[in-house]
Protein backbone atom coordinates (compact mmCIF):
# COMPACT_ATOMS: atom_id res chain seq x y z
CA THR A 1 112.37 79.13 51.07
CA PHE A 2 111.62 80.34 54.54
CA THR A 3 108.28 79.72 56.23
CA LYS A 4 107.83 83.45 56.83
CA PRO A 5 109.42 86.49 55.45
CA VAL A 6 112.84 87.37 56.91
CA ASP A 7 113.58 90.62 58.73
CA ILE A 8 116.54 91.94 56.44
CA ALA A 9 117.98 94.00 59.25
CA SER A 10 118.42 90.81 61.30
CA LEU A 11 120.60 89.28 58.75
CA GLU A 12 123.41 91.82 59.33
CA GLY A 13 126.38 90.18 60.57
CA LYS A 14 124.83 86.65 60.54
CA VAL A 15 125.39 85.51 56.92
CA VAL A 16 128.96 84.05 56.38
CA LEU A 17 130.03 82.49 53.16
CA LYS A 18 133.52 80.87 53.26
CA PRO A 19 135.61 78.02 51.78
CA VAL A 20 135.18 74.73 53.66
CA SER A 21 138.90 74.28 53.48
CA GLY A 22 139.49 77.49 55.58
CA GLY A 23 140.47 80.81 54.59
CA ASP A 24 138.63 84.20 54.75
CA ALA A 25 134.98 84.74 54.34
CA VAL A 26 133.52 86.17 51.04
CA GLU A 27 131.81 89.36 51.51
CA VAL A 28 128.11 89.02 50.39
CA SER A 29 125.09 91.09 50.01
CA CYS A 30 121.49 89.93 51.10
CA GLN A 31 118.23 90.83 50.01
CA THR A 32 114.79 89.18 50.73
CA VAL A 33 112.41 88.11 48.09
CA GLY A 34 109.07 86.95 49.39
CA ASN A 35 109.93 84.10 52.02
CA SER A 36 113.49 83.58 50.43
CA VAL A 37 116.75 85.31 51.13
CA LEU A 38 118.95 86.11 48.03
CA VAL A 39 122.77 85.97 49.06
CA THR A 40 124.99 87.45 46.53
CA PRO A 41 128.91 87.06 46.71
CA LEU A 42 130.47 90.57 46.28
CA SER A 43 133.70 89.03 44.47
CA SER A 44 134.33 85.94 42.32
CA LEU A 45 134.31 82.39 43.92
CA SER A 46 137.26 80.16 43.22
CA ALA A 47 136.79 77.38 40.72
CA SER A 48 136.15 73.81 41.94
CA THR A 49 135.91 74.93 45.50
CA ALA A 50 133.66 73.70 48.29
CA TYR A 51 132.05 76.76 50.27
CA GLN A 52 129.81 76.68 53.25
CA LEU A 53 127.10 79.23 53.66
CA THR A 54 125.73 79.85 57.25
CA ILE A 55 122.98 82.01 58.50
CA ALA A 56 123.28 82.17 62.27
CA ALA A 57 120.56 81.17 64.59
CA GLY A 58 118.74 84.27 65.97
CA THR A 59 118.00 85.69 62.49
CA ALA A 60 114.44 86.87 62.93
CA ALA A 61 111.37 86.65 60.73
CA ALA A 62 109.21 89.77 60.04
CA ASP A 63 107.08 89.08 62.90
CA GLY A 64 110.15 88.73 65.15
CA SER A 65 110.30 84.99 65.70
CA PRO A 66 113.90 83.74 65.73
CA LEU A 67 115.60 81.28 63.73
CA LYS A 68 116.09 78.48 66.29
CA THR A 69 119.04 76.70 64.61
CA ALA A 70 121.71 77.96 62.19
CA TYR A 71 120.89 77.35 58.48
CA VAL A 72 124.17 75.77 56.99
CA ARG A 73 124.50 74.54 53.44
CA THR A 74 127.64 73.34 51.42
CA PHE A 75 128.09 73.68 47.68
CA THR A 76 130.97 73.40 45.25
CA THR A 77 131.55 75.70 42.36
CA GLU A 78 132.12 74.58 38.70
CA ALA A 79 135.63 73.94 37.26
CA ALA A 80 135.60 77.58 35.78
CA ALA A 81 135.54 80.66 38.19
CA VAL A 82 132.11 81.81 39.07
CA GLU A 83 131.17 85.36 38.60
CA ASP A 84 128.01 87.25 39.24
CA ALA A 85 126.35 84.24 41.07
CA SER A 86 123.62 84.62 43.50
CA LEU A 87 122.28 81.80 45.89
CA GLN A 88 118.56 81.89 46.70
CA ILE A 89 118.16 79.95 50.18
CA GLY A 90 115.70 78.77 52.48
CA THR A 91 115.28 76.68 55.69
CA PRO A 92 113.09 73.84 56.86
CA ILE A 93 109.48 74.71 58.21
CA SER A 94 110.35 73.86 61.85
CA SER A 95 113.29 76.43 62.14
CA TYR A 96 111.06 79.24 63.07
CA GLY A 97 108.66 79.16 65.86
CA ARG A 98 107.90 75.78 67.54
CA ALA A 99 109.78 72.73 66.44
CA HIS A 100 107.82 69.91 65.01
CA SER A 101 107.37 66.70 66.97
């Protein structure tokens, strides 16, 4: 989870889910749940495929503080096609506000 609630409007155009091997991004919807962001693909993900999820730097917390660095995570789907999947994601504490020494 994030350290602060995320401004849902600041996610617009900043969340990208795409296959690691290349290809088109998968359209997603996002919603905030407390200090977490729920990312839901709007189409089925391919089986046995590595995907990279990126939330761009500059995404803002509810108080306006920006995400200092992009949040990037990679995952691989199971052998069968994945439908109706959602990803709940977060980021390290140091990503908003001041960096920890």
